[in-house]
Structures are given as C-alpha cells and as structure tokens.
Amino acid sequence: MKTFGIVFIFVILILEIRGKCNLTIPQYLHPYCGITRGCVFDGGNEVDIANESCRRKQQGKPLFLEIRNGYCESNKPQCERTPLSIS
C-alpha cells in the first residue's frame, strides 16, 4: 500500500509538470494553420495547434487570429514554436 501511495504521488507530480499546454500529440497528420499578424504556424494536427495556442497565451505572445484546416500559405514567415514553460 505504501508503494502505491508513492507511485500515485509521482504520477501526480509528472502530470502537474507537463501542464495543460503539453497534451500528448497523436501520431497522425491532419495539418492546421495558426495565423497571427506577423507569422503563421503549421501544426501537425488539432492537438499540436492547441498546445501552441495555449503556450502563446501563457507566455503573452500574440494569439492566433485564425486557425484553419490545412497547411499555411507561404506568403508570411513561419512562427517559431513556443517552448514549454515549466512554472
């Protein structure tokens, strides 16, 4: 029983560190395009774009003005992927 308690606490700590902006991305490709004023972001699927959107909001970066199905058009530069912040 003591081992179960330790494992349970360990799992809770791992989930807390990962946070809501680091959902596990499924292994399928269904591209989405996130559009800001200065750049575009090609996400591999809806979870990837949701993670990026969440991180941008969390770190005070410009939010996506629009999210579309498919790859982004190449007339704007690509946004850099926002790193995960652990706080």
C-alpha atoms as a PDB file:
ATOM      1  CA  MET A   1       0.000   0.000   0.000  1.00  0.00           C
ATOM      2  CA  LYS A   2       2.890   2.328   0.770  1.00  0.00           C
ATOM      3  CA  THR A   3       4.355   1.717  -2.712  1.00  0.00           C
ATOM      4  CA  PHE A   4       1.010   2.584  -4.321  1.00  0.00           C
ATOM      5  CA  GLY A   5       0.972   5.918  -2.450  1.00  0.00           C
ATOM      6  CA  ILE A   6       4.478   6.781  -3.625  1.00  0.00           C
ATOM      7  CA  VAL A   7       3.658   5.858  -7.233  1.00  0.00           C
ATOM      8  CA  PHE A   8       0.419   7.867  -7.064  1.00  0.00           C
ATOM      9  CA  ILE A   9       2.245  10.984  -5.809  1.00  0.00           C
ATOM     10  CA  PHE A  10       4.918  10.526  -8.500  1.00  0.00           C
ATOM     11  CA  VAL A  11       2.281  10.342 -11.259  1.00  0.00           C
ATOM     12  CA  ILE A  12       0.513  13.462  -9.945  1.00  0.00           C
ATOM     13  CA  LEU A  13       3.813  15.384  -9.919  1.00  0.00           C
ATOM     14  CA  ILE A  14       4.589  14.350 -13.511  1.00  0.00           C
ATOM     15  CA  LEU A  15       1.140  15.408 -14.698  1.00  0.00           C
ATOM     16  CA  GLU A  16       1.450  18.747 -12.897  1.00  0.00           C
ATOM     17  CA  ILE A  17       4.841  19.442 -14.540  1.00  0.00           C
ATOM     18  CA  ARG A  18       3.516  18.638 -18.027  1.00  0.00           C
ATOM     19  CA  GLY A  19       0.692  21.125 -17.568  1.00  0.00           C
ATOM     20  CA  LYS A  20      -2.264  21.818 -19.775  1.00  0.00           C
ATOM     21  CA  CYS A  21      -0.174  23.201 -22.655  1.00  0.00           C
ATOM     22  CA  ASN A  22       1.604  19.901 -23.229  1.00  0.00           C
ATOM     23  CA  LEU A  23      -1.106  17.446 -24.210  1.00  0.00           C
ATOM     24  CA  THR A  24       0.135  14.252 -25.827  1.00  0.00           C
ATOM     25  CA  ILE A  25       0.076  14.727 -29.591  1.00  0.00           C
ATOM     26  CA  PRO A  26      -1.478  11.818 -31.506  1.00  0.00           C
ATOM     27  CA  GLN A  27       0.663  10.189 -34.192  1.00  0.00           C
ATOM     28  CA  TYR A  28      -1.459  11.174 -37.181  1.00  0.00           C
ATOM     29  CA  LEU A  29      -1.078  14.073 -39.589  1.00  0.00           C
ATOM     30  CA  HIS A  30      -4.029  16.374 -40.143  1.00  0.00           C
ATOM     31  CA  PRO A  31      -2.419  19.810 -40.581  1.00  0.00           C
ATOM     32  CA  TYR A  32      -3.804  23.037 -39.169  1.00  0.00           C
ATOM     33  CA  CYS A  33      -2.592  26.588 -39.777  1.00  0.00           C
ATOM     34  CA  GLY A  34      -2.477  29.170 -36.985  1.00  0.00           C
ATOM     35  CA  ILE A  35      -2.380  32.738 -38.290  1.00  0.00           C
ATOM     36  CA  THR A  36      -1.085  35.782 -36.380  1.00  0.00           C
ATOM     37  CA  ARG A  37      -0.426  39.289 -37.707  1.00  0.00           C
ATOM     38  CA  GLY A  38       3.272  38.676 -38.316  1.00  0.00           C
ATOM     39  CA  CYS A  39       3.629  34.954 -38.952  1.00  0.00           C
ATOM     40  CA  VAL A  40       1.912  31.608 -39.489  1.00  0.00           C
ATOM     41  CA  PHE A  41       2.291  28.320 -37.601  1.00  0.00           C
ATOM     42  CA  ASP A  42       1.924  24.909 -39.248  1.00  0.00           C
ATOM     43  CA  GLY A  43       0.598  22.433 -36.687  1.00  0.00           C
ATOM     44  CA  GLY A  44       0.621  18.718 -37.376  1.00  0.00           C
ATOM     45  CA  ASN A  45      -2.904  18.192 -36.035  1.00  0.00           C
ATOM     46  CA  GLU A  46      -5.511  19.809 -33.780  1.00  0.00           C
ATOM     47  CA  VAL A  47      -3.684  18.866 -30.550  1.00  0.00           C
ATOM     48  CA  ASP A  48      -0.398  20.343 -31.789  1.00  0.00           C
ATOM     49  CA  ILE A  49      -2.103  23.635 -32.691  1.00  0.00           C
ATOM     50  CA  ALA A  50      -3.987  23.648 -29.348  1.00  0.00           C
ATOM     51  CA  ASN A  51      -0.712  23.188 -27.423  1.00  0.00           C
ATOM     52  CA  GLU A  52       0.932  26.017 -29.366  1.00  0.00           C
ATOM     53  CA  SER A  53      -2.080  28.279 -28.872  1.00  0.00           C
ATOM     54  CA  CYS A  54      -2.069  27.596 -25.128  1.00  0.00           C
ATOM     55  CA  ARG A  55       1.687  28.275 -24.826  1.00  0.00           C
ATOM     56  CA  ARG A  56       1.395  31.531 -26.782  1.00  0.00           C
ATOM     57  CA  LYS A  57      -1.349  32.729 -24.443  1.00  0.00           C
ATOM     58  CA  GLN A  58       0.573  31.600 -21.356  1.00  0.00           C
ATOM     59  CA  GLN A  59       3.725  33.468 -22.449  1.00  0.00           C
ATOM     60  CA  GLY A  60       1.994  36.651 -23.635  1.00  0.00           C
ATOM     61  CA  LYS A  61       2.771  36.168 -27.323  1.00  0.00           C
ATOM     62  CA  PRO A  62       0.295  37.323 -29.989  1.00  0.00           C
ATOM     63  CA  LEU A  63      -2.588  34.884 -30.205  1.00  0.00           C
ATOM     64  CA  PHE A  64      -3.755  33.192 -33.376  1.00  0.00           C
ATOM     65  CA  LEU A  65      -6.262  35.420 -35.129  1.00  0.00           C
ATOM     66  CA  GLU A  66      -7.497  32.438 -37.115  1.00  0.00           C
ATOM     67  CA  ILE A  67      -6.978  28.676 -37.206  1.00  0.00           C
ATOM     68  CA  ARG A  68      -7.655  26.873 -40.493  1.00  0.00           C
ATOM     69  CA  ASN A  69      -7.567  23.286 -41.716  1.00  0.00           C
ATOM     70  CA  GLY A  70      -4.570  22.543 -43.919  1.00  0.00           C
ATOM     71  CA  TYR A  71      -1.065  23.882 -44.350  1.00  0.00           C
ATOM     72  CA  CYS A  72      -0.363  27.608 -44.166  1.00  0.00           C
ATOM     73  CA  GLU A  73       0.214  29.643 -47.290  1.00  0.00           C
ATOM     74  CA  SER A  74       3.836  30.669 -47.684  1.00  0.00           C
ATOM     75  CA  ASN A  75       3.320  34.447 -48.084  1.00  0.00           C
ATOM     76  CA  LYS A  76       4.100  35.036 -44.357  1.00  0.00           C
ATOM     77  CA  PRO A  77       7.101  33.825 -42.351  1.00  0.00           C
ATOM     78  CA  GLN A  78       6.757  30.790 -40.084  1.00  0.00           C
ATOM     79  CA  CYS A  79       6.311  31.481 -36.354  1.00  0.00           C
ATOM     80  CA  GLU A  80       8.865  29.851 -34.093  1.00  0.00           C
ATOM     81  CA  ARG A  81       7.483  27.062 -31.933  1.00  0.00           C
ATOM     82  CA  THR A  82       6.878  28.416 -28.432  1.00  0.00           C
ATOM     83  CA  PRO A  83       8.903  26.448 -25.852  1.00  0.00           C
ATOM     84  CA  LEU A  84       7.092  24.833 -22.940  1.00  0.00           C
ATOM     85  CA  SER A  85       7.492  26.894 -19.798  1.00  0.00           C
ATOM     86  CA  ILE A  86       7.515  24.984 -16.529  1.00  0.00           C
ATOM     87  CA  SER A  87       6.374  27.197 -13.700  1.00  0.00           C
END
